[in-house]
Amino acid sequence: MNTQIGFHSYYVYIITNQNRSTFYIGVTNNLKARLVKHKENIELKVNSFAAKYYIEHLVYYEKFTWIQEAIVREKELKKWRREKKLELIKEFNPNFEFLNYHFE
């Protein structure tokens, strides 16, 4: 954990469903808690895009120190076509495995 004053961690992340057919891109300052929240929303049948499509499996993430940079990157990724997102994921995660265990 980074305990230096003024330094924070923000994550841009991509999660998917079991079939890897739909993506959700988000930004958070606590990826572990956010992944738990996505799972809870599915279990509680919350009316959200991620819950509707059972999106809870982490396949990609980037870490930032500044929230402004993370937000810019999130917006950039959301504009990309599916093929470009797949290339990014496979470059970072060649086996397209679920990475939630990195944040348990």
Protein backbone atom coordinates (compact mmCIF):
# COMPACT_ATOMS: atom_id res chain seq x y z
CA MET A 1 0.00 0.00 0.00
CA ASN A 2 1.31 3.43 -0.93
CA THR A 3 1.37 5.54 2.24
CA GLN A 4 3.01 8.65 0.81
CA ILE A 5 0.89 11.74 1.27
CA GLY A 6 -0.51 13.00 -2.02
CA PHE A 7 -0.25 9.69 -3.83
CA HIS A 8 -3.35 7.72 -4.67
CA SER A 9 -4.22 4.76 -6.85
CA TYR A 10 -6.94 4.85 -9.47
CA TYR A 11 -7.77 2.06 -11.86
CA VAL A 12 -9.33 1.92 -15.28
CA TYR A 13 -10.65 -1.59 -15.71
CA ILE A 14 -12.46 -3.84 -18.14
CA ILE A 15 -14.73 -6.59 -16.90
CA THR A 16 -16.69 -9.14 -18.88
CA ASN A 17 -19.19 -11.96 -18.48
CA GLN A 18 -18.49 -15.70 -18.33
CA ASN A 19 -18.66 -15.98 -22.14
CA ARG A 20 -16.45 -12.92 -22.67
CA SER A 21 -19.10 -11.51 -24.99
CA THR A 22 -19.80 -8.09 -23.41
CA PHE A 23 -17.46 -5.56 -21.83
CA TYR A 24 -17.86 -2.91 -19.17
CA ILE A 25 -15.22 -0.21 -18.73
CA GLY A 26 -15.00 1.73 -15.49
CA VAL A 27 -12.77 3.76 -13.21
CA THR A 28 -12.36 3.39 -9.44
CA ASN A 29 -9.99 4.16 -6.59
CA ASN A 30 -10.56 0.72 -5.03
CA LEU A 31 -10.65 -2.06 -7.59
CA LYS A 32 -11.10 -4.81 -5.01
CA ALA A 33 -14.22 -3.17 -3.55
CA ARG A 34 -15.57 -2.31 -7.00
CA LEU A 35 -15.29 -5.92 -8.17
CA VAL A 36 -17.17 -7.05 -5.06
CA LYS A 37 -19.86 -4.44 -5.79
CA HIS A 38 -20.32 -5.68 -9.36
CA LYS A 39 -20.78 -9.24 -8.04
CA GLU A 40 -23.23 -8.08 -5.36
CA ASN A 41 -25.24 -6.11 -7.94
CA ILE A 42 -25.65 -9.29 -10.01
CA GLU A 43 -26.73 -11.29 -6.96
CA LEU A 44 -29.18 -8.56 -5.90
CA LYS A 45 -30.46 -8.20 -9.48
CA VAL A 46 -29.72 -4.48 -9.47
CA ASN A 47 -30.87 -2.73 -12.64
CA SER A 48 -27.51 -1.84 -14.19
CA PHE A 49 -25.75 -2.67 -17.45
CA ALA A 50 -23.12 -4.83 -15.73
CA ALA A 51 -25.67 -6.71 -13.66
CA LYS A 52 -28.03 -7.22 -16.61
CA TYR A 53 -25.28 -8.97 -18.59
CA TYR A 54 -23.63 -10.72 -15.61
CA ILE A 55 -20.42 -8.76 -16.08
CA GLU A 56 -18.08 -9.35 -13.14
CA HIS A 57 -14.85 -10.91 -14.43
CA LEU A 58 -11.78 -8.67 -14.58
CA VAL A 59 -9.75 -9.07 -17.77
CA TYR A 60 -7.80 -5.78 -17.94
CA TYR A 61 -6.71 -2.93 -15.71
CA GLU A 62 -4.39 0.07 -15.67
CA LYS A 63 -3.20 1.92 -12.57
CA PHE A 64 -2.95 5.71 -12.33
CA THR A 65 -1.83 8.17 -9.68
CA TRP A 66 -4.11 10.98 -10.82
CA ILE A 67 -7.88 10.63 -11.22
CA GLN A 68 -7.90 13.08 -14.13
CA GLU A 69 -5.61 10.79 -16.15
CA ALA A 70 -7.72 7.75 -15.28
CA ILE A 71 -10.92 9.46 -16.41
CA VAL A 72 -9.35 10.54 -19.71
CA ARG A 73 -8.20 6.96 -20.34
CA GLU A 74 -11.60 5.51 -19.43
CA LYS A 75 -13.32 7.82 -21.91
CA GLU A 76 -10.75 6.93 -24.58
CA LEU A 77 -11.28 3.18 -24.15
CA LYS A 78 -15.06 3.52 -24.18
CA LYS A 79 -14.85 5.07 -27.66
CA TRP A 80 -12.84 2.17 -29.09
CA ARG A 81 -14.36 -0.48 -31.31
CA ARG A 82 -14.64 -3.99 -29.89
CA GLU A 83 -11.73 -5.30 -31.98
CA LYS A 84 -9.35 -2.68 -30.57
CA LYS A 85 -10.48 -3.45 -27.01
CA LEU A 86 -9.84 -7.16 -27.64
CA GLU A 87 -6.32 -6.39 -28.89
CA LEU A 88 -5.63 -4.35 -25.74
CA ILE A 89 -6.93 -7.09 -23.46
CA LYS A 90 -4.98 -9.84 -25.25
CA GLU A 91 -1.76 -7.80 -25.16
CA PHE A 92 -2.15 -7.36 -21.39
CA ASN A 93 -3.74 -10.75 -20.70
CA PRO A 94 -2.77 -13.15 -23.53
CA ASN A 95 -4.86 -16.06 -22.22
CA PHE A 96 -7.89 -13.83 -21.60
CA GLU A 97 -8.11 -15.25 -18.09
CA PHE A 98 -10.20 -13.76 -15.30
CA LEU A 99 -7.94 -11.68 -13.06
CA ASN A 100 -10.18 -11.01 -10.05
CA TYR A 101 -7.87 -13.09 -7.87
CA HIS A 102 -5.27 -10.30 -8.17
CA PHE A 103 -7.55 -8.18 -5.98
CA GLU A 104 -8.97 -10.63 -3.44
